[in-house]
């Protein structure tokens, strides 16, 4: 089972900002906001976001995190399928648009997710 924790931007800055890595410098958390369909996510968790606030971050645990879970979080949809490891929960094969062949992709991140609002 996966969860979605909703926190304020102030709480994110105080507690998590320094723990979020980048592609070049990974850490236990990753900012996946750009990949997530925020409109659908908002509908899935509408009762958890304070009225009038917007989603400004979607943070996921990386495989190096002690809190990582290899369980698809189906409440958090991607805008389009993302490359995935073949052993990732929810991963499936998809034909490549360019050059033929297949790759593994996923429609959701895995594990618990932290949604940041402002």
N, C-alpha and C. Protein backbone atom coordinates (compact mmCIF):
# COMPACT_ATOMS: atom_id res chain seq x y z
N UNK A 1 0.84 -1.19 0.00
CA UNK A 1 0.00 0.00 0.00
C UNK A 1 0.88 1.25 0.00
N UNK A 2 0.50 2.21 -0.78
CA UNK A 2 1.24 3.47 -0.84
C UNK A 2 0.39 4.59 -0.25
N UNK A 3 1.07 5.67 0.11
CA UNK A 3 0.38 6.80 0.71
C UNK A 3 0.75 8.09 -0.02
N UNK A 4 -0.05 9.12 0.22
CA UNK A 4 0.24 10.46 -0.26
C UNK A 4 0.18 11.38 0.96
N UNK A 5 1.31 12.01 1.25
CA UNK A 5 1.39 12.97 2.34
C UNK A 5 1.31 14.36 1.73
N UNK A 6 0.46 15.21 2.26
CA UNK A 6 0.31 16.57 1.75
C UNK A 6 0.88 17.53 2.77
N UNK A 7 1.83 18.37 2.32
CA UNK A 7 2.47 19.34 3.21
C UNK A 7 2.50 20.72 2.56
N UNK A 8 2.68 21.73 3.37
CA UNK A 8 2.79 23.11 2.86
C UNK A 8 4.19 23.34 2.29
N UNK A 9 4.31 24.36 1.49
CA UNK A 9 5.60 24.73 0.91
C UNK A 9 6.57 25.15 2.02
N UNK A 10 6.07 25.79 3.05
CA UNK A 10 6.92 26.19 4.16
C UNK A 10 7.51 24.97 4.86
N UNK A 11 6.67 23.96 5.10
CA UNK A 11 7.13 22.73 5.73
C UNK A 11 8.15 22.02 4.84
N UNK A 12 7.90 22.01 3.53
CA UNK A 12 8.84 21.41 2.57
C UNK A 12 10.20 22.11 2.67
N UNK A 13 10.21 23.43 2.67
CA UNK A 13 11.47 24.18 2.73
C UNK A 13 12.23 23.91 4.02
N UNK A 14 11.51 23.76 5.12
CA UNK A 14 12.15 23.53 6.42
C UNK A 14 12.67 22.10 6.57
N UNK A 15 11.93 21.12 6.06
CA UNK A 15 12.23 19.73 6.38
C UNK A 15 12.81 18.90 5.23
N UNK A 16 12.47 19.21 3.99
CA UNK A 16 12.82 18.30 2.90
C UNK A 16 13.67 18.87 1.78
N UNK A 17 13.65 20.17 1.60
CA UNK A 17 14.31 20.79 0.45
C UNK A 17 15.75 20.31 0.27
N UNK A 18 16.51 20.22 1.34
CA UNK A 18 17.91 19.83 1.26
C UNK A 18 18.11 18.33 1.04
N UNK A 19 17.02 17.57 1.08
CA UNK A 19 17.11 16.12 0.88
C UNK A 19 16.67 15.70 -0.53
N UNK A 20 16.31 16.67 -1.36
CA UNK A 20 15.86 16.39 -2.73
C UNK A 20 17.05 16.51 -3.66
N UNK A 21 17.38 15.42 -4.34
CA UNK A 21 18.52 15.40 -5.24
C UNK A 21 18.16 15.79 -6.67
N UNK A 22 19.17 15.72 -7.51
CA UNK A 22 19.00 15.98 -8.94
C UNK A 22 19.51 14.77 -9.71
N UNK A 23 19.39 14.80 -11.01
CA UNK A 23 19.88 13.70 -11.84
C UNK A 23 21.38 13.52 -11.66
N UNK A 24 22.12 14.61 -11.62
CA UNK A 24 23.58 14.53 -11.45
C UNK A 24 23.98 14.21 -10.02
N UNK A 25 23.20 14.69 -9.06
CA UNK A 25 23.52 14.50 -7.65
C UNK A 25 22.30 13.91 -6.93
N UNK A 26 22.06 12.62 -7.11
CA UNK A 26 20.86 12.01 -6.53
C UNK A 26 20.90 11.98 -5.01
N UNK A 27 19.74 11.87 -4.43
CA UNK A 27 19.60 11.77 -2.98
C UNK A 27 18.42 10.85 -2.70
N UNK A 28 17.91 10.86 -1.47
CA UNK A 28 16.81 9.96 -1.11
C UNK A 28 15.46 10.38 -1.68
N UNK A 29 15.34 11.64 -2.11
CA UNK A 29 14.09 12.15 -2.67
C UNK A 29 14.33 12.75 -4.04
N UNK A 30 13.27 12.73 -4.87
CA UNK A 30 13.36 13.30 -6.22
C UNK A 30 12.10 14.12 -6.48
N UNK A 31 12.27 15.29 -7.11
CA UNK A 31 11.15 16.14 -7.47
C UNK A 31 10.62 15.69 -8.83
N UNK A 32 9.44 15.08 -8.83
CA UNK A 32 8.84 14.54 -10.06
C UNK A 32 7.70 15.40 -10.58
N UNK A 33 7.60 16.61 -10.12
CA UNK A 33 6.47 17.48 -10.46
C UNK A 33 6.25 17.60 -11.97
N UNK A 34 7.30 17.77 -12.73
CA UNK A 34 7.17 17.97 -14.18
C UNK A 34 6.62 16.77 -14.93
N UNK A 35 6.68 15.60 -14.35
CA UNK A 35 6.20 14.38 -15.00
C UNK A 35 4.75 14.05 -14.65
N UNK A 36 4.23 14.64 -13.58
CA UNK A 36 2.93 14.26 -13.04
C UNK A 36 1.81 15.11 -13.65
N UNK A 37 0.69 14.46 -13.94
CA UNK A 37 -0.50 15.15 -14.41
C UNK A 37 -1.16 15.77 -13.17
N UNK A 38 -0.89 17.04 -12.93
CA UNK A 38 -1.34 17.71 -11.71
C UNK A 38 -2.86 17.87 -11.65
N UNK A 39 -3.51 17.98 -12.80
CA UNK A 39 -4.97 18.10 -12.82
C UNK A 39 -5.61 16.81 -12.31
N UNK A 40 -5.15 15.69 -12.81
CA UNK A 40 -5.69 14.40 -12.36
C UNK A 40 -5.31 14.12 -10.91
N UNK A 41 -4.09 14.46 -10.53
CA UNK A 41 -3.66 14.26 -9.15
C UNK A 41 -4.55 15.05 -8.20
N UNK A 42 -4.81 16.29 -8.55
CA UNK A 42 -5.66 17.14 -7.70
C UNK A 42 -7.04 16.52 -7.51
N UNK A 43 -7.61 15.96 -8.58
CA UNK A 43 -8.91 15.30 -8.47
C UNK A 43 -8.83 14.10 -7.54
N UNK A 44 -7.72 13.37 -7.58
CA UNK A 44 -7.57 12.17 -6.75
C UNK A 44 -7.40 12.48 -5.28
N UNK A 45 -6.88 13.68 -4.96
CA UNK A 45 -6.63 14.02 -3.55
C UNK A 45 -7.30 15.34 -3.16
N UNK A 46 -8.39 15.68 -3.83
CA UNK A 46 -9.03 16.99 -3.63
C UNK A 46 -9.38 17.31 -2.19
N UNK A 47 -9.69 16.31 -1.39
CA UNK A 47 -10.05 16.57 0.00
C UNK A 47 -8.84 16.86 0.88
N UNK A 48 -7.64 16.61 0.37
CA UNK A 48 -6.42 16.79 1.16
C UNK A 48 -5.74 18.13 0.92
N UNK A 49 -6.05 18.78 -0.20
CA UNK A 49 -5.44 20.08 -0.55
C UNK A 49 -6.35 21.19 -0.02
N UNK A 50 -5.81 22.11 0.77
CA UNK A 50 -6.65 23.22 1.26
C UNK A 50 -7.24 24.02 0.09
N UNK A 51 -8.46 24.44 0.26
CA UNK A 51 -9.17 25.20 -0.78
C UNK A 51 -8.38 26.45 -1.15
N UNK A 52 -8.26 26.69 -2.45
CA UNK A 52 -7.56 27.87 -2.94
C UNK A 52 -6.05 27.70 -3.08
N UNK A 53 -5.53 26.56 -2.70
CA UNK A 53 -4.08 26.31 -2.79
C UNK A 53 -3.77 25.51 -4.05
N UNK A 54 -2.55 25.67 -4.56
CA UNK A 54 -2.16 24.93 -5.75
C UNK A 54 -1.01 23.98 -5.43
N UNK A 55 -0.91 22.92 -6.21
CA UNK A 55 0.16 21.95 -6.05
C UNK A 55 1.42 22.53 -6.68
N UNK A 56 2.50 22.60 -5.90
CA UNK A 56 3.76 23.14 -6.41
C UNK A 56 4.89 22.11 -6.39
N UNK A 57 4.62 20.92 -5.88
CA UNK A 57 5.66 19.90 -5.85
C UNK A 57 5.09 18.50 -5.65
N UNK A 58 5.74 17.54 -6.31
CA UNK A 58 5.41 16.12 -6.12
C UNK A 58 6.75 15.43 -5.90
N UNK A 59 6.98 14.99 -4.67
CA UNK A 59 8.26 14.44 -4.27
C UNK A 59 8.11 12.93 -4.05
N UNK A 60 9.05 12.15 -4.62
CA UNK A 60 9.01 10.69 -4.49
C UNK A 60 10.32 10.20 -3.88
N UNK A 61 10.24 9.06 -3.23
CA UNK A 61 11.43 8.42 -2.66
C UNK A 61 12.19 7.69 -3.77
N UNK A 62 13.50 7.80 -3.76
CA UNK A 62 14.34 7.10 -4.74
C UNK A 62 14.70 5.72 -4.18
N UNK A 63 15.33 4.90 -5.01
CA UNK A 63 15.70 3.55 -4.56
C UNK A 63 16.72 3.58 -3.43
N UNK A 64 17.44 4.68 -3.27
CA UNK A 64 18.42 4.77 -2.17
C UNK A 64 17.77 5.16 -0.84
N UNK A 65 16.53 5.57 -0.88
CA UNK A 65 15.84 5.98 0.34
C UNK A 65 15.46 4.76 1.19
N UNK A 66 15.62 4.86 2.51
CA UNK A 66 15.17 3.76 3.37
C UNK A 66 13.65 3.59 3.36
N UNK A 67 12.92 4.59 2.83
CA UNK A 67 11.46 4.55 2.78
C UNK A 67 10.94 4.12 1.40
N UNK A 68 11.84 3.71 0.49
CA UNK A 68 11.44 3.31 -0.85
C UNK A 68 10.56 2.06 -0.79
N UNK A 69 9.50 2.06 -1.58
CA UNK A 69 8.61 0.90 -1.74
C UNK A 69 8.43 0.66 -3.24
N UNK A 70 8.62 -0.56 -3.67
CA UNK A 70 8.42 -0.87 -5.08
C UNK A 70 6.95 -1.27 -5.29
N UNK A 71 6.08 -0.31 -5.07
CA UNK A 71 4.64 -0.50 -5.25
C UNK A 71 4.12 0.73 -6.01
N UNK A 72 3.47 0.50 -7.14
CA UNK A 72 2.97 1.62 -7.95
C UNK A 72 1.95 2.44 -7.15
N UNK A 73 2.12 3.74 -7.17
CA UNK A 73 1.19 4.66 -6.51
C UNK A 73 0.20 5.13 -7.57
N UNK A 74 -0.87 4.39 -7.74
CA UNK A 74 -1.81 4.63 -8.84
C UNK A 74 -2.64 5.90 -8.69
N UNK A 75 -2.57 6.56 -7.54
CA UNK A 75 -3.26 7.83 -7.37
C UNK A 75 -2.49 8.99 -8.00
N UNK A 76 -1.24 8.74 -8.38
CA UNK A 76 -0.37 9.78 -8.93
C UNK A 76 -0.06 9.43 -10.39
N UNK A 77 -0.83 9.96 -11.34
CA UNK A 77 -0.62 9.62 -12.75
C UNK A 77 0.42 10.51 -13.43
N UNK A 78 1.24 9.89 -14.27
CA UNK A 78 2.16 10.66 -15.10
C UNK A 78 1.40 11.25 -16.29
N UNK A 79 1.94 12.32 -16.89
CA UNK A 79 1.36 12.91 -18.09
C UNK A 79 1.44 11.93 -19.25
N UNK A 80 2.56 11.24 -19.34
CA UNK A 80 2.78 10.20 -20.35
C UNK A 80 3.71 9.17 -19.75
N UNK A 81 3.75 7.96 -20.29
CA UNK A 81 4.59 6.91 -19.70
C UNK A 81 6.06 7.32 -19.64
N UNK A 82 6.71 6.97 -18.52
CA UNK A 82 8.13 7.25 -18.33
C UNK A 82 8.91 5.95 -18.34
N UNK A 83 10.17 6.02 -18.76
CA UNK A 83 11.04 4.84 -18.73
C UNK A 83 11.09 4.28 -17.32
N UNK A 84 11.12 2.96 -17.24
CA UNK A 84 11.12 2.30 -15.94
C UNK A 84 12.03 1.07 -15.98
N UNK A 85 12.45 0.65 -14.81
CA UNK A 85 13.22 -0.59 -14.70
C UNK A 85 12.25 -1.76 -14.87
N UNK A 86 12.68 -2.83 -15.52
CA UNK A 86 11.77 -3.97 -15.74
C UNK A 86 11.17 -4.55 -14.46
N UNK A 87 11.86 -4.41 -13.31
CA UNK A 87 11.34 -4.97 -12.06
C UNK A 87 10.45 -4.00 -11.29
N UNK A 88 10.29 -2.79 -11.83
CA UNK A 88 9.45 -1.80 -11.15
C UNK A 88 7.99 -2.23 -11.20
N UNK A 89 7.30 -2.14 -10.08
CA UNK A 89 5.88 -2.48 -10.04
C UNK A 89 5.11 -1.60 -11.03
N UNK A 90 4.31 -2.22 -11.85
CA UNK A 90 3.52 -1.49 -12.83
C UNK A 90 4.22 -1.26 -14.15
N UNK A 91 5.48 -1.66 -14.28
CA UNK A 91 6.22 -1.47 -15.53
C UNK A 91 5.69 -2.42 -16.61
N UNK A 92 5.66 -1.93 -17.83
CA UNK A 92 5.22 -2.76 -18.96
C UNK A 92 6.02 -2.37 -20.19
N UNK A 93 6.05 -3.27 -21.17
CA UNK A 93 6.79 -3.00 -22.40
C UNK A 93 5.95 -2.15 -23.34
N UNK A 94 6.65 -1.24 -24.01
CA UNK A 94 5.99 -0.36 -24.99
C UNK A 94 6.91 -0.21 -26.18
N UNK A 95 6.33 -0.18 -27.37
CA UNK A 95 7.13 0.03 -28.58
C UNK A 95 7.68 1.45 -28.60
N UNK A 96 8.94 1.57 -28.97
CA UNK A 96 9.57 2.88 -29.10
C UNK A 96 9.06 3.59 -30.33
N UNK A 97 8.83 4.87 -30.22
CA UNK A 97 8.34 5.66 -31.34
C UNK A 97 9.41 5.83 -32.42
N UNK A 98 10.66 5.88 -31.98
CA UNK A 98 11.76 6.10 -32.91
C UNK A 98 12.70 4.91 -32.89
N UNK A 99 13.04 4.39 -34.05
CA UNK A 99 14.04 3.34 -34.14
C UNK A 99 13.56 1.94 -33.84
N UNK A 100 12.28 1.77 -33.57
CA UNK A 100 11.76 0.43 -33.28
C UNK A 100 12.22 -0.08 -31.93
N UNK A 101 11.92 -1.32 -31.66
CA UNK A 101 12.29 -1.92 -30.40
C UNK A 101 11.28 -1.62 -29.31
N UNK A 102 11.57 -2.14 -28.14
CA UNK A 102 10.69 -1.95 -27.00
C UNK A 102 11.48 -1.44 -25.80
N UNK A 103 10.76 -0.83 -24.88
CA UNK A 103 11.35 -0.42 -23.62
C UNK A 103 10.30 -0.59 -22.53
N UNK A 104 10.76 -0.63 -21.28
CA UNK A 104 9.83 -0.70 -20.16
C UNK A 104 9.46 0.72 -19.73
N UNK A 105 8.17 0.92 -19.48
CA UNK A 105 7.66 2.22 -19.05
C UNK A 105 6.68 2.02 -17.90
N UNK A 106 6.33 3.13 -17.26
CA UNK A 106 5.36 3.10 -16.17
C UNK A 106 4.47 4.33 -16.27
N UNK A 107 3.25 4.19 -15.77
CA UNK A 107 2.29 5.29 -15.78
C UNK A 107 2.20 6.01 -14.43
N UNK A 108 2.94 5.47 -13.42
CA UNK A 108 2.86 6.01 -12.06
C UNK A 108 4.22 5.88 -11.37
N UNK A 109 4.52 6.77 -10.45
CA UNK A 109 5.73 6.57 -9.63
C UNK A 109 5.48 5.42 -8.66
N UNK A 110 6.54 4.92 -8.06
CA UNK A 110 6.39 3.87 -7.06
C UNK A 110 6.62 4.45 -5.67
N UNK A 111 5.94 3.87 -4.70
CA UNK A 111 6.15 4.25 -3.31
C UNK A 111 5.29 5.41 -2.85
N UNK A 112 5.60 5.83 -1.64
CA UNK A 112 4.88 6.94 -1.02
C UNK A 112 5.27 8.25 -1.70
N UNK A 113 4.33 9.17 -1.79
CA UNK A 113 4.54 10.44 -2.46
C UNK A 113 4.22 11.58 -1.49
N UNK A 114 4.99 12.65 -1.62
CA UNK A 114 4.77 13.85 -0.82
C UNK A 114 4.32 14.95 -1.78
N UNK A 115 3.12 15.47 -1.57
CA UNK A 115 2.59 16.55 -2.40
C UNK A 115 2.76 17.85 -1.63
N UNK A 116 3.32 18.85 -2.30
CA UNK A 116 3.58 20.14 -1.69
C UNK A 116 2.59 21.17 -2.28
N UNK A 117 1.93 21.92 -1.42
CA UNK A 117 1.00 22.96 -1.88
C UNK A 117 1.45 24.33 -1.41
N UNK A 118 0.95 25.34 -2.13
CA UNK A 118 1.23 26.73 -1.76
C UNK A 118 -0.02 27.55 -1.96
